[in-house]
Amino acid sequence: MLAGLGLLGLAWVARSSYRIASHDFEPWPGSAILKHPEEIGVAGLTPVSFVSSGGAKLAAWYVPSKNRAAVVLAHGTNADRSALLPELRILATAGFGVLAFDWPGDGESTGHIEWGQEEQDALRAALGWLTMQHDIDPQRIGGFGFSMGGYTLAQVAAQDQRLRAVVLAATPPDYVDYARWQVRRWGPISEGPVALLLRQFWPQSQQIQPQQAVARIAPRPVLILAGDADPIVPPFMAQRLFNDAAAPKALWLIPRAGHGGYASAALIAYQQRLTAFFLQALLK
């Protein structure tokens, strides 16, 4: 009887661990606001689309630049481009062009989620689209990536000089460590399901991790953000990413913020910090 209950408990832990870890690879159907961009209230915001080298058709919003500089916004898992509306509003109000797009398989974009080459191709396509806009100076493009969006942004920025400044918000320094953290309550029992998940969904598990990529972004500036109450990508992970980065770099742990919601936690300070970073990096 006790042995049976123990086996049932192990099975439940394994199933729960797998379910939690696999959540990052589930497509997001899209928020209702994607169909009604006129309700966003940002002047000049226009739906656009472009195709990645991998064949995914990527849906996006674009706000034209008033200062010749632009920022591409990369959202995280289980979300679409509307998740970064606070950042879009802040940067557009400051005069930056803003391109916010849906990752392959999320929102209104085609493709599938793998957090590997397909996402990297998508981000490069976004950068390519930006460089073709008449209102943009190709030497004045920055990127903001949240969570797994920051994960891919760090990888691409390490190699792509078109990104002249990078903000990594709530970005896991290493995906395997991040996945293990999500199921840490069950300790070693969770290792098997996490390993199974990585074999099934993440064939490129040997790709460069942000903790290696971030040092290669220098001498372009990097700002690392995290909520000091983030339970998903906790502050120690942001500190670890900051330690691995090369100067010029900065770290800001936002008081009372969780996994995102920075504008709600510290609106004025967040507006000032985000705007000042891109002004200094792209326009000085």
Protein backbone atom coordinates (compact mmCIF):
# COMPACT_ATOMS: atom_id res chain seq x y z
CA MET A 1 0.00 0.00 0.00
CA LEU A 2 2.69 2.49 1.02
CA ALA A 3 4.81 1.48 -1.97
CA GLY A 4 1.85 2.10 -4.26
CA LEU A 5 1.21 5.49 -2.77
CA GLY A 6 4.89 6.32 -3.14
CA LEU A 7 4.83 5.41 -6.81
CA LEU A 8 1.72 7.50 -7.33
CA GLY A 9 3.45 10.40 -5.61
CA LEU A 10 6.49 10.05 -7.83
CA ALA A 11 4.30 9.91 -10.92
CA TRP A 12 2.47 13.06 -9.83
CA VAL A 13 5.75 14.90 -9.24
CA ALA A 14 7.10 13.79 -12.62
CA ARG A 15 3.93 14.87 -14.42
CA SER A 16 3.81 18.21 -12.60
CA SER A 17 7.48 18.90 -13.29
CA TYR A 18 7.09 18.13 -16.96
CA ARG A 19 3.96 20.27 -17.20
CA ILE A 20 5.61 23.28 -15.56
CA ALA A 21 8.74 23.07 -17.68
CA SER A 22 6.85 22.53 -20.96
CA HIS A 23 4.79 25.68 -20.43
CA ASP A 24 7.47 27.80 -22.14
CA PHE A 25 6.95 25.91 -25.41
CA GLU A 26 3.18 26.33 -25.62
CA PRO A 27 1.83 28.73 -28.27
CA TRP A 28 -0.07 31.82 -27.18
CA PRO A 29 -3.30 32.43 -29.12
CA GLY A 30 -3.05 36.21 -28.89
CA SER A 31 -4.75 38.93 -26.90
CA ALA A 32 -7.93 40.63 -28.10
CA ILE A 33 -6.10 43.96 -28.44
CA LEU A 34 -4.13 42.57 -31.40
CA LYS A 35 -7.29 42.93 -33.48
CA HIS A 36 -7.90 46.50 -32.31
CA PRO A 37 -4.63 48.50 -32.42
CA GLU A 38 -6.66 51.70 -32.70
CA GLU A 39 -7.61 51.22 -29.03
CA ILE A 40 -3.98 51.38 -27.87
CA GLY A 41 -3.89 55.16 -28.14
CA VAL A 42 -0.35 55.52 -29.53
CA ALA A 43 -0.17 57.98 -32.41
CA GLY A 44 1.17 56.49 -35.61
CA LEU A 45 1.04 52.87 -34.46
CA THR A 46 0.54 50.64 -37.51
CA PRO A 47 0.24 46.85 -37.94
CA VAL A 48 3.04 45.51 -40.15
CA SER A 49 4.45 42.11 -41.05
CA PHE A 50 7.62 40.58 -42.42
CA VAL A 51 9.00 37.10 -43.10
CA SER A 52 11.98 35.49 -41.41
CA SER A 53 14.61 33.46 -43.25
CA GLY A 54 13.03 30.40 -41.65
CA GLY A 55 9.74 31.14 -43.40
CA ALA A 56 7.67 32.38 -40.46
CA LYS A 57 5.36 35.32 -41.18
CA LEU A 58 5.78 37.66 -38.25
CA ALA A 59 3.07 40.05 -37.10
CA ALA A 60 4.13 43.34 -35.53
CA TRP A 61 3.28 46.89 -34.61
CA TYR A 62 5.43 49.80 -35.66
CA VAL A 63 5.54 53.35 -34.39
CA PRO A 64 7.66 55.63 -36.65
CA SER A 65 10.69 57.34 -35.18
CA LYS A 66 10.92 61.05 -34.44
CA ASN A 67 14.62 61.00 -33.58
CA ARG A 68 16.06 58.55 -36.17
CA ALA A 69 16.56 55.86 -33.49
CA ALA A 70 14.46 52.75 -32.88
CA VAL A 71 14.03 49.90 -30.40
CA VAL A 72 12.79 46.39 -31.17
CA LEU A 73 10.71 44.80 -28.39
CA ALA A 74 10.88 41.04 -27.79
CA HIS A 75 8.24 39.58 -25.47
CA GLY A 76 8.51 36.48 -23.30
CA THR A 77 6.72 33.12 -23.20
CA ASN A 78 2.93 32.68 -23.10
CA ALA A 79 2.46 36.20 -24.40
CA ASP A 80 2.36 38.34 -27.51
CA ARG A 81 3.58 41.82 -28.44
CA SER A 82 0.87 43.50 -26.38
CA ALA A 83 2.67 42.30 -23.21
CA LEU A 84 5.21 45.08 -23.81
CA LEU A 85 2.73 47.89 -24.36
CA PRO A 86 4.09 49.87 -21.35
CA GLU A 87 7.57 49.81 -22.90
CA LEU A 88 6.15 50.67 -26.32
CA ARG A 89 4.34 53.70 -24.90
CA ILE A 90 7.35 54.90 -22.91
CA LEU A 91 9.75 54.70 -25.84
CA ALA A 92 7.32 56.07 -28.44
CA THR A 93 6.56 59.03 -26.18
CA ALA A 94 10.31 59.71 -25.99
CA GLY A 95 10.47 59.87 -29.78
CA PHE A 96 11.94 56.46 -30.56
CA GLY A 97 10.65 54.28 -33.34
CA VAL A 98 9.33 51.05 -31.82
CA LEU A 99 8.87 47.66 -33.46
CA ALA A 100 7.04 45.12 -31.30
CA PHE A 101 6.55 41.70 -32.88
CA ASP A 102 5.09 38.30 -32.02
CA TRP A 103 7.54 35.41 -31.83
CA PRO A 104 6.91 32.48 -34.21
CA GLY A 105 3.94 30.48 -32.95
CA ASP A 106 2.69 33.28 -30.69
CA GLY A 107 -0.01 35.86 -31.25
CA GLU A 108 -0.60 36.43 -34.94
CA SER A 109 2.72 35.03 -36.17
CA THR A 110 3.08 31.71 -37.95
CA GLY A 111 5.76 29.15 -37.12
CA HIS A 112 6.42 27.15 -33.99
CA ILE A 113 8.12 27.71 -30.66
CA GLU A 114 11.53 26.18 -30.03
CA TRP A 115 13.54 28.98 -28.38
CA GLY A 116 16.35 28.34 -30.79
CA GLN A 117 17.17 29.08 -34.41
CA GLU A 118 13.63 30.03 -35.42
CA GLU A 119 13.47 32.79 -32.81
CA GLN A 120 16.93 34.02 -33.71
CA ASP A 121 15.90 34.18 -37.38
CA ALA A 122 12.78 36.10 -36.38
CA LEU A 123 14.74 38.71 -34.44
CA ARG A 124 17.21 39.15 -37.28
CA ALA A 125 14.27 39.63 -39.66
CA ALA A 126 12.89 42.33 -37.35
CA LEU A 127 16.26 44.10 -37.41
CA GLY A 128 16.40 43.81 -41.18
CA TRP A 129 12.93 45.30 -41.49
CA LEU A 130 13.90 48.21 -39.25
CA THR A 131 17.02 49.03 -41.24
CA MET A 132 14.85 49.47 -44.36
CA GLN A 133 12.63 52.15 -42.83
CA HIS A 134 13.30 55.67 -44.13
CA ASP A 135 12.86 57.23 -40.68
CA ILE A 136 15.56 55.03 -39.08
CA ASP A 137 19.31 55.43 -38.95
CA PRO A 138 20.57 51.79 -39.10
CA GLN A 139 23.33 52.74 -36.66
CA ARG A 140 20.78 53.72 -34.00
CA ILE A 141 18.87 50.51 -33.25
CA GLY A 142 18.48 49.02 -29.79
CA GLY A 143 16.68 46.03 -28.35
CA PHE A 144 14.56 45.27 -25.28
CA GLY A 145 13.97 41.62 -24.42
CA PHE A 146 11.80 40.32 -21.63
CA SER A 147 12.34 36.87 -20.07
CA MET A 148 12.87 34.37 -22.92
CA GLY A 149 12.70 37.31 -25.31
CA GLY A 150 15.81 38.58 -23.56
CA TYR A 151 17.28 35.09 -23.82
CA THR A 152 17.14 35.27 -27.64
CA LEU A 153 18.08 38.94 -27.72
CA ALA A 154 21.33 38.24 -25.85
CA GLN A 155 22.20 35.43 -28.26
CA VAL A 156 21.61 37.57 -31.35
CA ALA A 157 23.23 40.72 -29.94
CA ALA A 158 26.43 38.77 -29.27
CA GLN A 159 26.82 38.33 -33.03
CA ASP A 160 24.76 41.06 -34.69
CA GLN A 161 26.29 44.54 -34.61
CA ARG A 162 23.04 46.12 -35.76
CA LEU A 163 21.96 46.04 -32.11
CA ARG A 164 23.74 49.04 -30.64
CA ALA A 165 22.26 48.83 -27.13
CA VAL A 166 20.50 46.04 -25.25
CA VAL A 167 18.11 45.81 -22.30
CA LEU A 168 17.75 42.32 -20.82
CA ALA A 169 14.76 42.19 -18.48
CA ALA A 170 14.08 39.12 -16.30
CA THR A 171 16.36 37.13 -18.61
CA PRO A 172 17.46 33.61 -17.59
CA PRO A 173 21.26 33.36 -17.75
CA ASP A 174 21.04 29.63 -18.54
CA TYR A 175 17.92 27.80 -19.68
CA VAL A 176 18.64 24.48 -17.97
CA ASP A 177 19.24 26.18 -14.63
CA TYR A 178 16.09 28.24 -15.15
CA ALA A 179 14.01 25.13 -15.92
CA ARG A 180 15.35 23.39 -12.82
CA TRP A 181 14.53 26.43 -10.70
CA GLN A 182 10.88 26.23 -11.77
CA VAL A 183 10.57 22.71 -10.33
CA ARG A 184 13.04 23.04 -7.46
CA ARG A 185 10.49 22.13 -4.78
CA TRP A 186 10.81 18.45 -5.70
CA GLY A 187 14.60 18.36 -5.92
CA PRO A 188 16.31 15.52 -7.81
CA ILE A 189 12.96 13.84 -8.57
CA SER A 190 12.33 16.57 -11.13
CA GLU A 191 15.58 16.05 -13.04
CA GLY A 192 14.22 13.27 -15.24
CA PRO A 193 11.14 15.14 -16.48
CA VAL A 194 13.21 18.26 -17.18
CA ALA A 195 15.74 16.23 -19.16
CA LEU A 196 12.90 14.59 -21.11
CA LEU A 197 11.42 17.98 -21.88
CA LEU A 198 14.70 19.32 -23.21
CA ARG A 199 15.17 16.30 -25.49
CA GLN A 200 11.62 16.60 -26.81
CA PHE A 201 11.20 20.35 -27.28
CA TRP A 202 14.66 21.82 -27.30
CA PRO A 203 16.96 20.05 -29.77
CA GLN A 204 19.41 22.95 -29.66
CA SER A 205 20.16 22.61 -25.97
CA GLN A 206 23.87 23.12 -26.63
CA GLN A 207 23.38 26.60 -28.09
CA ILE A 208 25.18 29.52 -26.49
CA GLN A 209 23.50 30.67 -23.27
CA PRO A 210 22.98 34.33 -22.31
CA GLN A 211 25.61 34.06 -19.56
CA GLN A 212 28.18 33.35 -22.29
CA ALA A 213 26.68 35.64 -24.91
CA VAL A 214 26.33 38.75 -22.76
CA ALA A 215 30.07 39.40 -22.49
CA ARG A 216 30.33 39.47 -26.29
CA ILE A 217 27.94 42.41 -26.58
CA ALA A 218 30.58 44.86 -25.31
CA PRO A 219 31.56 47.56 -26.03
CA ARG A 220 27.86 48.13 -26.76
CA PRO A 221 26.01 48.98 -23.53
CA VAL A 222 23.82 46.51 -21.65
CA LEU A 223 21.17 47.27 -19.02
CA ILE A 224 20.00 44.30 -16.97
CA LEU A 225 16.62 44.61 -15.22
CA ALA A 226 14.78 42.41 -12.75
CA GLY A 227 12.07 42.71 -10.16
CA ASP A 228 13.38 42.27 -6.65
CA ALA A 229 10.35 40.05 -5.95
CA ASP A 230 10.47 38.01 -9.18
CA PRO A 231 9.76 34.34 -8.33
CA ILE A 232 10.39 33.10 -11.89
CA VAL A 233 13.73 34.71 -12.78
CA PRO A 234 14.85 35.79 -9.31
CA PRO A 235 17.31 38.60 -8.57
CA PHE A 236 20.26 36.26 -8.12
CA MET A 237 19.92 35.26 -11.78
CA ALA A 238 20.00 38.90 -12.86
CA GLN A 239 23.08 39.43 -10.71
CA ARG A 240 24.72 36.41 -12.28
CA LEU A 241 24.02 37.77 -15.77
CA PHE A 242 25.38 41.17 -14.76
CA ASN A 243 28.55 39.60 -13.35
CA ASP A 244 29.16 37.84 -16.67
CA ALA A 245 28.58 40.99 -18.75
CA ALA A 246 31.41 43.28 -19.76
CA ALA A 247 31.38 47.06 -19.41
CA PRO A 248 29.59 49.25 -20.13
CA LYS A 249 26.87 47.59 -18.11
CA ALA A 250 24.29 48.42 -15.46
CA LEU A 251 21.97 46.45 -13.18
CA TRP A 252 18.69 47.67 -11.72
CA LEU A 253 16.61 45.55 -9.35
CA ILE A 254 13.23 47.22 -9.40
CA PRO A 255 11.64 47.48 -5.92
CA ARG A 256 8.38 45.60 -5.37
CA ALA A 257 8.31 44.28 -8.95
CA GLY A 258 7.69 40.66 -9.86
CA HIS A 259 8.14 38.99 -13.24
CA GLY A 260 7.44 42.08 -15.30
CA GLY A 261 5.00 44.82 -14.45
CA TYR A 262 7.86 47.29 -13.99
CA ALA A 263 5.82 50.29 -15.07
CA SER A 264 3.19 49.43 -12.46
CA ALA A 265 5.77 49.02 -9.71
CA ALA A 266 7.82 52.16 -10.41
CA LEU A 267 6.34 54.12 -13.31
CA ILE A 268 8.31 57.37 -13.14
CA ALA A 269 11.63 55.77 -12.29
CA TYR A 270 11.13 53.12 -14.97
CA GLN A 271 10.27 55.72 -17.61
CA GLN A 272 13.32 57.74 -16.71
CA ARG A 273 15.73 54.80 -16.56
CA LEU A 274 14.59 53.18 -19.78
CA THR A 275 14.48 56.42 -21.75
CA ALA A 276 17.84 57.66 -20.43
CA PHE A 277 19.54 54.38 -21.32
CA PHE A 278 18.48 54.44 -24.97
CA LEU A 279 19.00 58.19 -25.32
CA GLN A 280 22.56 57.85 -24.08
CA ALA A 281 23.30 54.74 -26.11
CA LEU A 282 21.65 55.63 -29.41
CA LEU A 283 21.64 59.42 -29.65
CA LYS A 284 24.80 60.73 -27.93
